[in-house]
Amino acid sequence: MKNNSKYWQNYKKTINNLPLKLFDIAIGCMLGDACMYKISKNSKIKFEQGYKHKEYLYHLFNLFKDYTFQDEPYIRYEIRKDLIKSFSFRTFTHPTFNSIWELYMKNGEKRIESNLIRNYLSPIGLAYWIMDDGSL
């Protein structure tokens, strides 16, 4: 089924906004390796981890599975080698991610303002920031 199919468009209209727990996790992950994209008026998050952190990435995938079109994370291989380099997935674009975009993104670049950590980082977000390996 194509991502822009009528089924998925209707699904995106009925999905709830991120629960607070997932919002907090996304805040922590954005302090680490996660990145964001904005397409038209809505945003999405990309999560990627090196092959050594496969279990962690699959854990994140299971948490955010209702917000992605993917059945499982993508595998990225090293060029000219048959070795796994990383695992990744992206959420679909949705208004629920726009508030996170506004916190992090300035002129299309990831920025961390001083009030972000003070006002938005929860204990669970801190835990996910720490679990992120910070290498991508």
Protein backbone atom coordinates (compact mmCIF):
# COMPACT_ATOMS: atom_id res chain seq x y z
CA MET A 1 0.00 0.00 0.00
CA LYS A 2 1.42 3.38 -0.98
CA ASN A 3 2.14 5.93 1.74
CA ASN A 4 -0.11 8.49 0.10
CA SER A 5 -2.98 6.06 -0.37
CA LYS A 6 -6.46 6.98 0.78
CA TYR A 7 -6.16 4.42 3.59
CA TRP A 8 -3.05 6.08 5.05
CA GLN A 9 -4.39 9.59 4.56
CA ASN A 10 -7.51 8.63 6.51
CA TYR A 11 -5.43 6.87 9.15
CA LYS A 12 -3.31 9.97 9.69
CA LYS A 13 -6.47 12.04 10.17
CA THR A 14 -7.72 9.75 12.93
CA ILE A 15 -4.49 9.10 14.84
CA ASN A 16 -4.22 10.80 18.20
CA ASN A 17 -1.53 13.32 19.03
CA LEU A 18 1.56 11.92 20.70
CA PRO A 19 0.93 10.81 24.26
CA LEU A 20 3.06 12.69 26.81
CA LYS A 21 5.40 9.71 27.26
CA LEU A 22 6.22 9.60 23.52
CA PHE A 23 6.59 13.39 23.42
CA ASP A 24 9.10 13.16 26.29
CA ILE A 25 10.98 10.33 24.55
CA ALA A 26 11.09 12.30 21.30
CA ILE A 27 12.50 15.31 23.18
CA GLY A 28 15.29 13.13 24.60
CA CYS A 29 16.01 11.46 21.26
CA MET A 30 16.21 14.81 19.50
CA LEU A 31 18.90 15.81 21.99
CA GLY A 32 20.73 12.73 20.73
CA ASP A 33 20.78 11.28 17.22
CA ALA A 34 17.24 11.85 15.97
CA CYS A 35 16.64 14.47 13.31
CA MET A 36 13.58 16.09 11.81
CA TYR A 37 12.20 17.02 8.41
CA LYS A 38 9.35 19.32 7.49
CA ILE A 39 7.36 18.60 4.37
CA SER A 40 4.81 21.20 3.46
CA LYS A 41 3.24 22.19 6.79
CA ASN A 42 3.93 19.08 8.90
CA SER A 43 7.01 17.49 10.44
CA LYS A 44 8.42 14.01 10.92
CA ILE A 45 11.21 12.46 12.96
CA LYS A 46 13.96 10.14 11.74
CA PHE A 47 15.50 7.74 14.25
CA GLU A 48 18.77 6.03 13.30
CA GLN A 49 21.23 3.94 15.28
CA GLY A 50 24.38 2.05 14.41
CA TYR A 51 24.24 -1.72 14.08
CA LYS A 52 25.51 -2.20 17.66
CA HIS A 53 22.35 -0.48 18.92
CA LYS A 54 19.84 -2.55 16.95
CA GLU A 55 17.81 -3.55 20.01
CA TYR A 56 17.48 0.07 21.14
CA LEU A 57 16.33 1.18 17.68
CA TYR A 58 13.75 -1.62 17.52
CA HIS A 59 12.56 -0.57 20.97
CA LEU A 60 12.03 2.97 19.65
CA PHE A 61 10.32 1.58 16.56
CA ASN A 62 7.86 -0.37 18.72
CA LEU A 63 7.08 2.77 20.73
CA PHE A 64 6.42 4.89 17.62
CA LYS A 65 4.97 2.18 15.34
CA ASP A 66 1.55 3.85 15.23
CA TYR A 67 3.22 6.93 13.70
CA THR A 68 5.10 5.24 10.84
CA PHE A 69 4.23 3.61 7.53
CA GLN A 70 7.06 1.12 7.91
CA ASP A 71 6.56 -2.52 8.87
CA GLU A 72 10.07 -2.63 10.31
CA PRO A 73 13.18 -0.44 10.40
CA TYR A 74 15.32 0.00 7.30
CA ILE A 75 18.76 -1.57 7.20
CA ARG A 76 21.60 0.50 5.73
CA TYR A 77 24.69 -1.33 4.49
CA GLU A 78 28.24 -0.05 4.19
CA ILE A 79 29.25 0.80 0.63
CA ARG A 80 31.06 -2.07 -1.15
CA LYS A 81 30.63 -4.34 1.85
CA ASP A 82 27.86 -6.62 2.93
CA LEU A 83 27.99 -5.27 6.49
CA ILE A 84 25.11 -3.60 8.28
CA LYS A 85 25.94 0.00 9.08
CA SER A 86 22.73 1.17 10.76
CA PHE A 87 19.02 0.73 11.33
CA SER A 88 16.49 3.54 10.92
CA PHE A 89 12.86 4.48 10.63
CA ARG A 90 10.88 7.64 10.06
CA THR A 91 7.54 8.70 11.36
CA PHE A 92 5.05 9.98 8.83
CA THR A 93 4.47 13.72 8.65
CA HIS A 94 1.80 14.80 11.10
CA PRO A 95 0.81 17.96 13.00
CA THR A 96 1.67 16.24 16.30
CA PHE A 97 5.39 16.57 15.49
CA ASN A 98 5.23 20.29 14.70
CA SER A 99 5.59 21.35 18.34
CA ILE A 100 8.85 19.36 18.57
CA TRP A 101 10.02 20.93 15.30
CA GLU A 102 9.38 24.39 16.74
CA LEU A 103 11.47 23.56 19.82
CA TYR A 104 14.50 22.31 17.91
CA MET A 105 14.63 23.66 14.41
CA LYS A 106 15.72 27.21 13.54
CA ASN A 107 16.15 28.12 9.86
CA GLY A 108 16.17 24.42 8.94
CA GLU A 109 18.97 23.52 11.37
CA LYS A 110 18.85 21.64 14.65
CA ARG A 111 19.44 24.04 17.53
CA ILE A 112 19.23 23.55 21.26
CA GLU A 113 18.07 26.68 23.05
CA SER A 114 18.84 26.97 26.77
CA ASN A 115 15.19 26.95 27.78
CA LEU A 116 14.53 23.66 25.93
CA ILE A 117 16.33 21.51 28.50
CA ARG A 118 15.06 23.51 31.45
CA ASN A 119 11.42 23.60 30.32
CA TYR A 120 10.89 20.41 28.28
CA LEU A 121 13.34 17.70 29.33
CA SER A 122 11.59 15.25 31.66
CA PRO A 123 13.23 12.37 33.56
CA ILE A 124 12.11 9.94 30.82
CA GLY A 125 13.46 12.25 28.12
CA LEU A 126 16.77 12.44 29.98
CA ALA A 127 16.90 8.62 30.12
CA TYR A 128 16.43 8.37 26.33
CA TRP A 129 18.98 11.11 25.72
CA ILE A 130 21.48 9.10 27.77
CA MET A 131 20.59 5.84 25.97
CA ASP A 132 21.18 7.47 22.60
CA ASP A 133 24.72 6.76 21.48
CA GLY A 134 25.31 10.20 20.00
CA SER A 135 27.41 9.03 17.06
CA LEU A 136 25.30 9.63 13.95
